[in-house]
Amino acid sequence: MDVLTQLEIDQRVFDLYDEYCHGRIDRRAFLQQAAVVAVGGLAMAQALMPRYANAQTISFTDERIKAKYVTYPSPGGTSGTMRGYLVQPKGNGPFPVVLVIHENRGLNPYIEDVARRAATEGFLALAPDGLFPVGGYPGNDDEGRTLQAGLDPAKLRTDMLNSARWLKTQALSTGKLGVTGFCWGGGATNWLATVLGADMQAGVPYYGAAPATDAVAAIKAAMLIQYAQNDERINAMWPAYEAALKAAGVSYEMFMYPGTQHGFHNNSTPRYNEAAAKLSWERTIAFFRKNLA
């Protein structure tokens, strides 16, 4: 079956997919409504479902890296224990470290690949699985989204905070911490910057919700903020966030990628935009090299 490309998918179906992705409608409602709003809408909707075979760009057997799953304590989190995917570059280190935070469905194969991509660039990368306390990423996004929606949001964030602190203090770490995340993970990246203060050196949120405006003054990390052009809900938060960043004297850059959808970096669905994903990732790596040196 030929997979539809982004240009062949009606924007109204993309908008419905965004509702579905963020748990506001279920899979059945998404497929039914897509079939109604556009001719060929059902095929468009089906084409948007992730294909994780496409997500692997760095093999887990790649000789430039060494990957393993690790467990570590997470006091105050969902269960008190967390698990993550730790990827080490070749060599003896120490390495600057990067926390890679998943979307709203747990640690899926795309996020694991992002951690491997970071490691091939010389960073010790950890991708925590917020679903570990409830059995881990279940192997499909629908169940993962449901599981994550059922967690206590504050405890889930605490698990990400503990993951950042655990990674920063590893023997192979230089102590310089960068954080990146996507969708829910982008919002978590922004939040971590407010909570970690001077313990975090650089943050790269991708299409993430802005943090509480009154918390922005606590940010000490340099921020590289990446947005999709067609992402009204998230982008509406930017003016207030930018004003707070300016008022607090935070070092920041913002890029909005023309013609892109929320999720444009995720290469497992047609929301993927190759040019924007490549450019944004190059900017991410350059930013981490500069601020974690």
C-alpha atoms as a PDB file:
ATOM      1  CA  MET A   1       0.000   0.000   0.000  1.00  0.00           C
ATOM      2  CA  ASP A   2       1.324   3.428  -0.917  1.00  0.00           C
ATOM      3  CA  VAL A   3       1.572   5.662   2.135  1.00  0.00           C
ATOM      4  CA  LEU A   4       0.093   9.135   1.683  1.00  0.00           C
ATOM      5  CA  THR A   5       2.505  12.030   2.006  1.00  0.00           C
ATOM      6  CA  GLN A   6       1.969  15.109   4.157  1.00  0.00           C
ATOM      7  CA  LEU A   7       0.912  17.182   1.136  1.00  0.00           C
ATOM      8  CA  GLU A   8      -1.875  14.710   0.310  1.00  0.00           C
ATOM      9  CA  ILE A   9      -3.456  14.928   3.773  1.00  0.00           C
ATOM     10  CA  ASP A  10      -6.185  17.487   4.433  1.00  0.00           C
ATOM     11  CA  GLN A  11      -5.358  19.994   7.212  1.00  0.00           C
ATOM     12  CA  ARG A  12      -8.686  19.173   8.893  1.00  0.00           C
ATOM     13  CA  VAL A  13      -7.519  15.569   9.282  1.00  0.00           C
ATOM     14  CA  PHE A  14      -4.216  16.795  10.766  1.00  0.00           C
ATOM     15  CA  ASP A  15      -6.246  18.886  13.227  1.00  0.00           C
ATOM     16  CA  LEU A  16      -8.330  15.849  14.217  1.00  0.00           C
ATOM     17  CA  TYR A  17      -5.130  13.811  14.618  1.00  0.00           C
ATOM     18  CA  ASP A  18      -3.823  16.465  16.994  1.00  0.00           C
ATOM     19  CA  GLU A  19      -7.036  16.096  19.046  1.00  0.00           C
ATOM     20  CA  TYR A  20      -6.571  12.315  19.031  1.00  0.00           C
ATOM     21  CA  CYS A  21      -2.860  12.526  19.895  1.00  0.00           C
ATOM     22  CA  HIS A  22      -3.588  14.682  22.907  1.00  0.00           C
ATOM     23  CA  GLY A  23      -6.331  12.376  24.172  1.00  0.00           C
ATOM     24  CA  ARG A  24      -9.291  14.663  23.479  1.00  0.00           C
ATOM     25  CA  ILE A  25     -10.919  12.070  21.175  1.00  0.00           C
ATOM     26  CA  ASP A  26     -10.304   8.326  20.929  1.00  0.00           C
ATOM     27  CA  ARG A  27      -9.066   6.360  17.931  1.00  0.00           C
ATOM     28  CA  ARG A  28     -12.561   5.384  16.823  1.00  0.00           C
ATOM     29  CA  ALA A  29     -13.850   8.970  16.920  1.00  0.00           C
ATOM     30  CA  PHE A  30     -10.756  10.156  15.053  1.00  0.00           C
ATOM     31  CA  LEU A  31     -11.297   7.665  12.207  1.00  0.00           C
ATOM     32  CA  GLN A  32     -15.045   8.340  12.046  1.00  0.00           C
ATOM     33  CA  GLN A  33     -14.707  12.129  12.028  1.00  0.00           C
ATOM     34  CA  ALA A  34     -11.851  12.052   9.502  1.00  0.00           C
ATOM     35  CA  ALA A  35     -14.045  10.041   7.125  1.00  0.00           C
ATOM     36  CA  VAL A  36     -16.690  12.784   7.339  1.00  0.00           C
ATOM     37  CA  VAL A  37     -14.584  15.966   7.016  1.00  0.00           C
ATOM     38  CA  ALA A  38     -12.698  15.128   3.807  1.00  0.00           C
ATOM     39  CA  VAL A  39     -13.042  12.947   0.731  1.00  0.00           C
ATOM     40  CA  GLY A  40     -10.664  10.061   1.379  1.00  0.00           C
ATOM     41  CA  GLY A  41     -10.413  11.193   5.000  1.00  0.00           C
ATOM     42  CA  LEU A  42     -10.350   7.658   6.408  1.00  0.00           C
ATOM     43  CA  ALA A  43      -7.304   6.748   4.301  1.00  0.00           C
ATOM     44  CA  MET A  44      -5.666   9.999   5.387  1.00  0.00           C
ATOM     45  CA  ALA A  45      -6.348   9.178   9.037  1.00  0.00           C
ATOM     46  CA  GLN A  46      -4.967   5.657   8.699  1.00  0.00           C
ATOM     47  CA  ALA A  47      -1.836   7.035   7.023  1.00  0.00           C
ATOM     48  CA  LEU A  48      -1.160   9.185  10.098  1.00  0.00           C
ATOM     49  CA  MET A  49      -0.783   6.193  12.410  1.00  0.00           C
ATOM     50  CA  PRO A  50       2.890   5.738  13.413  1.00  0.00           C
ATOM     51  CA  ARG A  51       5.137   3.288  11.575  1.00  0.00           C
ATOM     52  CA  TYR A  52       8.034   2.718  13.928  1.00  0.00           C
ATOM     53  CA  ALA A  53      10.069   0.748  11.420  1.00  0.00           C
ATOM     54  CA  ASN A  54      10.632   4.145   9.778  1.00  0.00           C
ATOM     55  CA  ALA A  55      11.855   5.698  13.029  1.00  0.00           C
ATOM     56  CA  GLN A  56      15.113   3.819  13.348  1.00  0.00           C
ATOM     57  CA  THR A  57      17.943   5.916  11.935  1.00  0.00           C
ATOM     58  CA  ILE A  58      20.650   4.606  14.298  1.00  0.00           C
ATOM     59  CA  SER A  59      20.736   0.855  14.885  1.00  0.00           C
ATOM     60  CA  PHE A  60      20.942  -0.266  18.510  1.00  0.00           C
ATOM     61  CA  THR A  61      23.975  -2.305  17.417  1.00  0.00           C
ATOM     62  CA  ASP A  62      25.732   0.768  15.960  1.00  0.00           C
ATOM     63  CA  GLU A  63      29.435   0.578  16.871  1.00  0.00           C
ATOM     64  CA  ARG A  64      29.591   4.268  17.841  1.00  0.00           C
ATOM     65  CA  ILE A  65      27.360   3.725  20.879  1.00  0.00           C
ATOM     66  CA  LYS A  66      26.581   1.388  23.768  1.00  0.00           C
ATOM     67  CA  ALA A  67      22.923   1.231  24.862  1.00  0.00           C
ATOM     68  CA  LYS A  68      21.265  -0.412  27.864  1.00  0.00           C
ATOM     69  CA  TYR A  69      18.227  -0.104  30.118  1.00  0.00           C
ATOM     70  CA  VAL A  70      18.889   1.157  33.628  1.00  0.00           C
ATOM     71  CA  THR A  71      16.762   1.481  36.748  1.00  0.00           C
ATOM     72  CA  TYR A  72      17.293   4.119  39.421  1.00  0.00           C
ATOM     73  CA  PRO A  73      15.502   5.554  42.458  1.00  0.00           C
ATOM     74  CA  SER A  74      12.829   8.210  41.979  1.00  0.00           C
ATOM     75  CA  PRO A  75      11.609   9.416  45.372  1.00  0.00           C
ATOM     76  CA  GLY A  76       8.238  11.157  45.191  1.00  0.00           C
ATOM     77  CA  GLY A  77       7.542   9.809  41.693  1.00  0.00           C
ATOM     78  CA  THR A  78       4.833   7.396  40.594  1.00  0.00           C
ATOM     79  CA  SER A  79       6.386   4.326  42.252  1.00  0.00           C
ATOM     80  CA  GLY A  80       9.714   5.430  43.705  1.00  0.00           C
ATOM     81  CA  THR A  81      11.671   3.683  40.939  1.00  0.00           C
ATOM     82  CA  MET A  82      12.301   4.643  37.315  1.00  0.00           C
ATOM     83  CA  ARG A  83      13.693   2.943  34.237  1.00  0.00           C
ATOM     84  CA  GLY A  84      15.344   4.587  31.278  1.00  0.00           C
ATOM     85  CA  TYR A  85      17.259   3.893  28.095  1.00  0.00           C
ATOM     86  CA  LEU A  86      20.878   4.997  28.605  1.00  0.00           C
ATOM     87  CA  VAL A  87      23.048   5.437  25.521  1.00  0.00           C
ATOM     88  CA  GLN A  88      26.777   6.046  25.860  1.00  0.00           C
ATOM     89  CA  PRO A  89      29.089   7.272  23.098  1.00  0.00           C
ATOM     90  CA  LYS A  90      32.197   5.291  22.247  1.00  0.00           C
ATOM     91  CA  GLY A  91      35.153   6.266  24.410  1.00  0.00           C
ATOM     92  CA  ASN A  92      35.903   6.675  28.082  1.00  0.00           C
ATOM     93  CA  GLY A  93      34.238  10.020  28.675  1.00  0.00           C
ATOM     94  CA  PRO A  94      33.369  11.959  30.642  1.00  0.00           C
ATOM     95  CA  PHE A  95      30.579  13.229  28.386  1.00  0.00           C
ATOM     96  CA  PRO A  96      28.126  16.117  28.590  1.00  0.00           C
ATOM     97  CA  VAL A  97      24.677  14.630  29.252  1.00  0.00           C
ATOM     98  CA  VAL A  98      21.315  15.021  27.526  1.00  0.00           C
ATOM     99  CA  LEU A  99      17.950  13.952  28.888  1.00  0.00           C
ATOM    100  CA  VAL A 100      15.501  13.035  26.078  1.00  0.00           C
ATOM    101  CA  ILE A 101      11.848  13.252  27.193  1.00  0.00           C
ATOM    102  CA  HIS A 102       9.095  11.367  25.400  1.00  0.00           C
ATOM    103  CA  GLU A 103       5.695  12.545  24.171  1.00  0.00           C
ATOM    104  CA  ASN A 104       2.419  11.735  25.971  1.00  0.00           C
ATOM    105  CA  ARG A 105       2.633   7.972  25.362  1.00  0.00           C
ATOM    106  CA  GLY A 106       5.803   6.701  27.014  1.00  0.00           C
ATOM    107  CA  LEU A 107       9.170   5.612  25.698  1.00  0.00           C
ATOM    108  CA  ASN A 108       8.412   4.469  22.154  1.00  0.00           C
ATOM    109  CA  PRO A 109      10.968   3.401  19.495  1.00  0.00           C
ATOM    110  CA  TYR A 110      11.176   6.913  18.003  1.00  0.00           C
ATOM    111  CA  ILE A 111      12.334   8.455  21.305  1.00  0.00           C
ATOM    112  CA  GLU A 112      14.843   5.640  21.840  1.00  0.00           C
ATOM    113  CA  ASP A 113      16.236   6.455  18.390  1.00  0.00           C
ATOM    114  CA  VAL A 114      16.534  10.146  19.328  1.00  0.00           C
ATOM    115  CA  ALA A 115      18.618   9.108  22.366  1.00  0.00           C
ATOM    116  CA  ARG A 116      20.891   7.070  20.070  1.00  0.00           C
ATOM    117  CA  ARG A 117      21.181  10.053  17.707  1.00  0.00           C
ATOM    118  CA  ALA A 118      22.321  12.244  20.620  1.00  0.00           C
ATOM    119  CA  ALA A 119      24.892   9.644  21.692  1.00  0.00           C
ATOM    120  CA  THR A 120      26.426   9.447  18.209  1.00  0.00           C
ATOM    121  CA  GLU A 121      27.064  13.205  18.582  1.00  0.00           C
ATOM    122  CA  GLY A 122      29.084  12.679  21.768  1.00  0.00           C
ATOM    123  CA  PHE A 123      26.463  13.046  24.515  1.00  0.00           C
ATOM    124  CA  LEU A 124      25.596  10.543  27.224  1.00  0.00           C
ATOM    125  CA  ALA A 125      21.825  10.347  26.659  1.00  0.00           C
ATOM    126  CA  LEU A 126      19.045   9.065  28.903  1.00  0.00           C
ATOM    127  CA  ALA A 127      15.469   8.589  27.695  1.00  0.00           C
ATOM    128  CA  PRO A 128      13.315   7.874  30.772  1.00  0.00           C
ATOM    129  CA  ASP A 129      10.082   5.878  30.471  1.00  0.00           C
ATOM    130  CA  GLY A 130       7.442   7.617  32.547  1.00  0.00           C
ATOM    131  CA  LEU A 131       5.235   4.533  32.104  1.00  0.00           C
ATOM    132  CA  PHE A 132       7.733   2.184  33.766  1.00  0.00           C
ATOM    133  CA  PRO A 133       5.917   2.270  37.129  1.00  0.00           C
ATOM    134  CA  VAL A 134       2.729   1.039  35.389  1.00  0.00           C
ATOM    135  CA  GLY A 135       4.389  -1.624  33.257  1.00  0.00           C
ATOM    136  CA  GLY A 136       6.344   0.447  30.733  1.00  0.00           C
ATOM    137  CA  TYR A 137       5.589   1.521  27.182  1.00  0.00           C
ATOM    138  CA  PRO A 138       3.045  -1.130  26.096  1.00  0.00           C
ATOM    139  CA  GLY A 139       4.212  -1.472  22.496  1.00  0.00           C
ATOM    140  CA  ASN A 140       1.552   0.750  20.915  1.00  0.00           C
ATOM    141  CA  ASP A 141       0.727   4.418  21.220  1.00  0.00           C
ATOM    142  CA  ASP A 142      -3.007   4.095  21.950  1.00  0.00           C
ATOM    143  CA  GLU A 143      -2.444   2.099  25.128  1.00  0.00           C
ATOM    144  CA  GLY A 144       0.593   4.220  25.988  1.00  0.00           C
ATOM    145  CA  ARG A 145      -1.434   7.426  25.762  1.00  0.00           C
ATOM    146  CA  THR A 146      -4.165   5.939  27.972  1.00  0.00           C
ATOM    147  CA  LEU A 147      -1.614   4.781  30.552  1.00  0.00           C
ATOM    148  CA  GLN A 148       0.129   8.165  30.663  1.00  0.00           C
ATOM    149  CA  ALA A 149      -3.181  10.034  30.949  1.00  0.00           C
ATOM    150  CA  GLY A 150      -3.944   7.926  34.037  1.00  0.00           C
ATOM    151  CA  LEU A 151      -0.794   8.968  35.909  1.00  0.00           C
ATOM    152  CA  ASP A 152      -0.596  11.714  38.508  1.00  0.00           C
ATOM    153  CA  PRO A 153       0.928  14.582  36.454  1.00  0.00           C
ATOM    154  CA  ALA A 154       2.986  15.939  39.373  1.00  0.00           C
ATOM    155  CA  LYS A 155       4.487  12.524  40.143  1.00  0.00           C
ATOM    156  CA  LEU A 156       5.260  11.953  36.456  1.00  0.00           C
ATOM    157  CA  ARG A 157       7.085  15.290  36.329  1.00  0.00           C
ATOM    158  CA  THR A 158       8.961  14.335  39.512  1.00  0.00           C
ATOM    159  CA  ASP A 159      10.104  11.162  37.730  1.00  0.00           C
ATOM    160  CA  MET A 160      11.564  13.350  34.949  1.00  0.00           C
ATOM    161  CA  LEU A 161      13.239  15.627  37.518  1.00  0.00           C
ATOM    162  CA  ASN A 162      14.807  12.642  39.276  1.00  0.00           C
ATOM    163  CA  SER A 163      15.927  11.256  35.897  1.00  0.00           C
ATOM    164  CA  ALA A 164      17.710  14.530  35.121  1.00  0.00           C
ATOM    165  CA  ARG A 165      19.443  14.577  38.505  1.00  0.00           C
ATOM    166  CA  TRP A 166      20.440  10.911  38.255  1.00  0.00           C
ATOM    167  CA  LEU A 167      21.925  11.426  34.779  1.00  0.00           C
ATOM    168  CA  LYS A 168      23.809  14.578  35.777  1.00  0.00           C
ATOM    169  CA  THR A 169      25.587  12.756  38.623  1.00  0.00           C
ATOM    170  CA  GLN A 170      26.714   9.678  36.659  1.00  0.00           C
ATOM    171  CA  ALA A 171      30.435   8.818  36.759  1.00  0.00           C
ATOM    172  CA  LEU A 172      30.657   9.350  32.974  1.00  0.00           C
ATOM    173  CA  SER A 173      28.971  12.782  33.186  1.00  0.00           C
ATOM    174  CA  THR A 174      30.837  16.086  32.985  1.00  0.00           C
ATOM    175  CA  GLY A 175      28.038  17.545  35.123  1.00  0.00           C
ATOM    176  CA  LYS A 176      26.798  19.692  32.220  1.00  0.00           C
ATOM    177  CA  LEU A 177      23.106  18.898  31.601  1.00  0.00           C
ATOM    178  CA  GLY A 178      21.007  19.511  28.506  1.00  0.00           C
ATOM    179  CA  VAL A 179      17.346  18.544  28.175  1.00  0.00           C
ATOM    180  CA  THR A 180      15.236  18.071  25.061  1.00  0.00           C
ATOM    181  CA  GLY A 181      11.712  16.775  24.702  1.00  0.00           C
ATOM    182  CA  PHE A 182       8.839  16.530  22.273  1.00  0.00           C
ATOM    183  CA  CYS A 183       5.148  17.437  22.700  1.00  0.00           C
ATOM    184  CA  TRP A 184       4.485  16.536  26.393  1.00  0.00           C
ATOM    185  CA  GLY A 185       8.257  16.193  26.734  1.00  0.00           C
ATOM    186  CA  GLY A 186       8.701  19.710  25.350  1.00  0.00           C
ATOM    187  CA  GLY A 187       6.474  21.039  28.110  1.00  0.00           C
ATOM    188  CA  ALA A 188       8.425  18.938  30.617  1.00  0.00           C
ATOM    189  CA  THR A 189      11.678  20.440  29.277  1.00  0.00           C
ATOM    190  CA  ASN A 190      10.340  23.955  29.880  1.00  0.00           C
ATOM    191  CA  TRP A 191       9.169  22.965  33.372  1.00  0.00           C
ATOM    192  CA  LEU A 192      12.518  21.347  34.264  1.00  0.00           C
ATOM    193  CA  ALA A 193      14.303  24.562  33.306  1.00  0.00           C
ATOM    194  CA  THR A 194      12.244  26.422  35.917  1.00  0.00           C
ATOM    195  CA  VAL A 195      12.803  23.778  38.626  1.00  0.00           C
ATOM    196  CA  LEU A 196      16.468  22.914  38.055  1.00  0.00           C
ATOM    197  CA  GLY A 197      17.664  26.504  37.747  1.00  0.00           C
ATOM    198  CA  ALA A 198      21.474  26.587  37.586  1.00  0.00           C
ATOM    199  CA  ASP A 199      21.664  22.758  37.572  1.00  0.00           C
ATOM    200  CA  MET A 200      20.482  22.751  33.944  1.00  0.00           C
ATOM    201  CA  GLN A 201      22.689  24.358  31.291  1.00  0.00           C
ATOM    202  CA  ALA A 202      20.595  24.075  28.109  1.00  0.00           C
ATOM    203  CA  GLY A 203      17.005  23.247  27.127  1.00  0.00           C
ATOM    204  CA  VAL A 204      15.530  22.462  23.712  1.00  0.00           C
ATOM    205  CA  PRO A 205      11.745  22.021  23.927  1.00  0.00           C
ATOM    206  CA  TYR A 206      10.018  20.920  20.719  1.00  0.00           C
ATOM    207  CA  TYR A 207       6.430  22.209  20.433  1.00  0.00           C
ATOM    208  CA  GLY A 208       5.995  22.067  24.188  1.00  0.00           C
ATOM    209  CA  ALA A 209       3.596  23.896  26.479  1.00  0.00           C
ATOM    210  CA  ALA A 210       5.125  26.995  28.067  1.00  0.00           C
ATOM    211  CA  PRO A 211       5.877  26.880  31.801  1.00  0.00           C
ATOM    212  CA  ALA A 212       3.978  28.967  34.337  1.00  0.00           C
ATOM    213  CA  THR A 213       4.821  32.592  33.564  1.00  0.00           C
ATOM    214  CA  ASP A 214       5.694  33.405  37.180  1.00  0.00           C
ATOM    215  CA  ALA A 215       8.234  30.538  37.223  1.00  0.00           C
ATOM    216  CA  VAL A 216      10.223  31.687  34.179  1.00  0.00           C
ATOM    217  CA  ALA A 217      12.469  33.972  36.240  1.00  0.00           C
ATOM    218  CA  ALA A 218      14.012  30.843  37.813  1.00  0.00           C
ATOM    219  CA  ILE A 219      15.384  29.646  34.444  1.00  0.00           C
ATOM    220  CA  LYS A 220      19.181  29.812  34.264  1.00  0.00           C
ATOM    221  CA  ALA A 221      19.634  27.476  31.268  1.00  0.00           C
ATOM    222  CA  ALA A 222      20.046  28.785  27.740  1.00  0.00           C
ATOM    223  CA  MET A 223      16.854  27.895  25.816  1.00  0.00           C
ATOM    224  CA  LEU A 224      16.373  26.944  22.164  1.00  0.00           C
ATOM    225  CA  ILE A 225      12.619  26.817  21.585  1.00  0.00           C
ATOM    226  CA  GLN A 226      11.314  24.999  18.507  1.00  0.00           C
ATOM    227  CA  TYR A 227       7.763  25.384  17.187  1.00  0.00           C
ATOM    228  CA  ALA A 228       5.662  24.066  14.322  1.00  0.00           C
ATOM    229  CA  GLN A 229       3.820  26.705  12.311  1.00  0.00           C
ATOM    230  CA  ASN A 230       0.477  24.849  12.318  1.00  0.00           C
ATOM    231  CA  ASP A 231       0.148  24.341  16.068  1.00  0.00           C
ATOM    232  CA  GLU A 232      -2.290  26.954  17.321  1.00  0.00           C
ATOM    233  CA  ARG A 233      -2.779  25.681  20.894  1.00  0.00           C
ATOM    234  CA  ILE A 234       0.951  25.574  21.721  1.00  0.00           C
ATOM    235  CA  ASN A 235       1.930  28.679  19.753  1.00  0.00           C
ATOM    236  CA  ALA A 236      -0.694  30.777  21.540  1.00  0.00           C
ATOM    237  CA  MET A 237       1.422  30.444  24.700  1.00  0.00           C
ATOM    238  CA  TRP A 238       4.540  31.944  23.114  1.00  0.00           C
ATOM    239  CA  PRO A 239       3.922  35.721  23.472  1.00  0.00           C
ATOM    240  CA  ALA A 240       3.546  35.511  27.264  1.00  0.00           C
ATOM    241  CA  TYR A 241       6.464  33.054  27.526  1.00  0.00           C
ATOM    242  CA  GLU A 242       8.723  35.281  25.435  1.00  0.00           C
ATOM    243  CA  ALA A 243       7.810  38.372  27.469  1.00  0.00           C
ATOM    244  CA  ALA A 244       8.709  36.493  30.675  1.00  0.00           C
ATOM    245  CA  LEU A 245      12.004  35.237  29.202  1.00  0.00           C
ATOM    246  CA  LYS A 246      12.932  38.786  28.202  1.00  0.00           C
ATOM    247  CA  ALA A 247      11.947  40.207  31.587  1.00  0.00           C
ATOM    248  CA  ALA A 248      14.076  37.579  33.333  1.00  0.00           C
ATOM    249  CA  GLY A 249      17.081  38.096  31.058  1.00  0.00           C
ATOM    250  CA  VAL A 250      17.109  34.438  29.990  1.00  0.00           C
ATOM    251  CA  SER A 251      19.292  33.624  26.980  1.00  0.00           C
ATOM    252  CA  TYR A 252      16.925  32.190  24.365  1.00  0.00           C
ATOM    253  CA  GLU A 253      16.367  31.631  20.667  1.00  0.00           C
ATOM    254  CA  MET A 254      13.081  30.626  19.031  1.00  0.00           C
ATOM    255  CA  PHE A 255      12.535  29.009  15.654  1.00  0.00           C
ATOM    256  CA  MET A 256       9.180  28.386  14.005  1.00  0.00           C
ATOM    257  CA  TYR A 257       9.317  26.052  11.013  1.00  0.00           C
ATOM    258  CA  PRO A 258       7.107  27.121   8.077  1.00  0.00           C
ATOM    259  CA  GLY A 259       4.533  24.661   6.775  1.00  0.00           C
ATOM    260  CA  THR A 260       5.044  22.191   9.643  1.00  0.00           C
ATOM    261  CA  GLN A 261       2.628  20.333  11.922  1.00  0.00           C
ATOM    262  CA  HIS A 262       2.954  19.613  15.641  1.00  0.00           C
ATOM    263  CA  GLY A 263       5.149  16.511  15.738  1.00  0.00           C
ATOM    264  CA  PHE A 264       7.210  17.400  12.650  1.00  0.00           C
ATOM    265  CA  HIS A 265      10.388  15.866  14.119  1.00  0.00           C
ATOM    266  CA  ASN A 266       8.800  12.419  14.570  1.00  0.00           C
ATOM    267  CA  ASN A 267       9.781  10.411  11.487  1.00  0.00           C
ATOM    268  CA  SER A 268       7.277   7.615  12.122  1.00  0.00           C
ATOM    269  CA  THR A 269       4.196   9.502  10.825  1.00  0.00           C
ATOM    270  CA  PRO A 270       3.388  11.748   7.825  1.00  0.00           C
ATOM    271  CA  ARG A 271       3.438  14.779  10.138  1.00  0.00           C
ATOM    272  CA  TYR A 272       7.205  14.371   9.769  1.00  0.00           C
ATOM    273  CA  ASN A 273       8.831  17.168   7.785  1.00  0.00           C
ATOM    274  CA  GLU A 274      12.272  16.003   6.740  1.00  0.00           C
ATOM    275  CA  ALA A 275      13.792  19.425   6.057  1.00  0.00           C
ATOM    276  CA  ALA A 276      12.526  20.956   9.302  1.00  0.00           C
ATOM    277  CA  ALA A 277      13.417  17.869  11.344  1.00  0.00           C
ATOM    278  CA  LYS A 278      16.965  17.862   9.970  1.00  0.00           C
ATOM    279  CA  LEU A 279      17.515  21.603  10.435  1.00  0.00           C
ATOM    280  CA  SER A 280      16.004  21.650  13.934  1.00  0.00           C
ATOM    281  CA  TRP A 281      18.147  18.684  15.007  1.00  0.00           C
ATOM    282  CA  GLU A 282      21.315  20.289  13.618  1.00  0.00           C
ATOM    283  CA  ARG A 283      20.439  23.397  15.621  1.00  0.00           C
ATOM    284  CA  THR A 284      19.796  21.263  18.715  1.00  0.00           C
ATOM    285  CA  ILE A 285      23.188  19.526  18.520  1.00  0.00           C
ATOM    286  CA  ALA A 286      25.046  22.797  17.826  1.00  0.00           C
ATOM    287  CA  PHE A 287      23.252  24.422  20.763  1.00  0.00           C
ATOM    288  CA  PHE A 288      24.148  21.595  23.130  1.00  0.00           C
ATOM    289  CA  ARG A 289      27.782  21.624  21.942  1.00  0.00           C
ATOM    290  CA  LYS A 290      27.997  25.349  22.629  1.00  0.00           C
ATOM    291  CA  ASN A 291      26.253  25.354  26.021  1.00  0.00           C
ATOM    292  CA  LEU A 292      27.458  22.022  27.449  1.00  0.00           C
ATOM    293  CA  ALA A 293      31.114  22.426  26.511  1.00  0.00           C
END
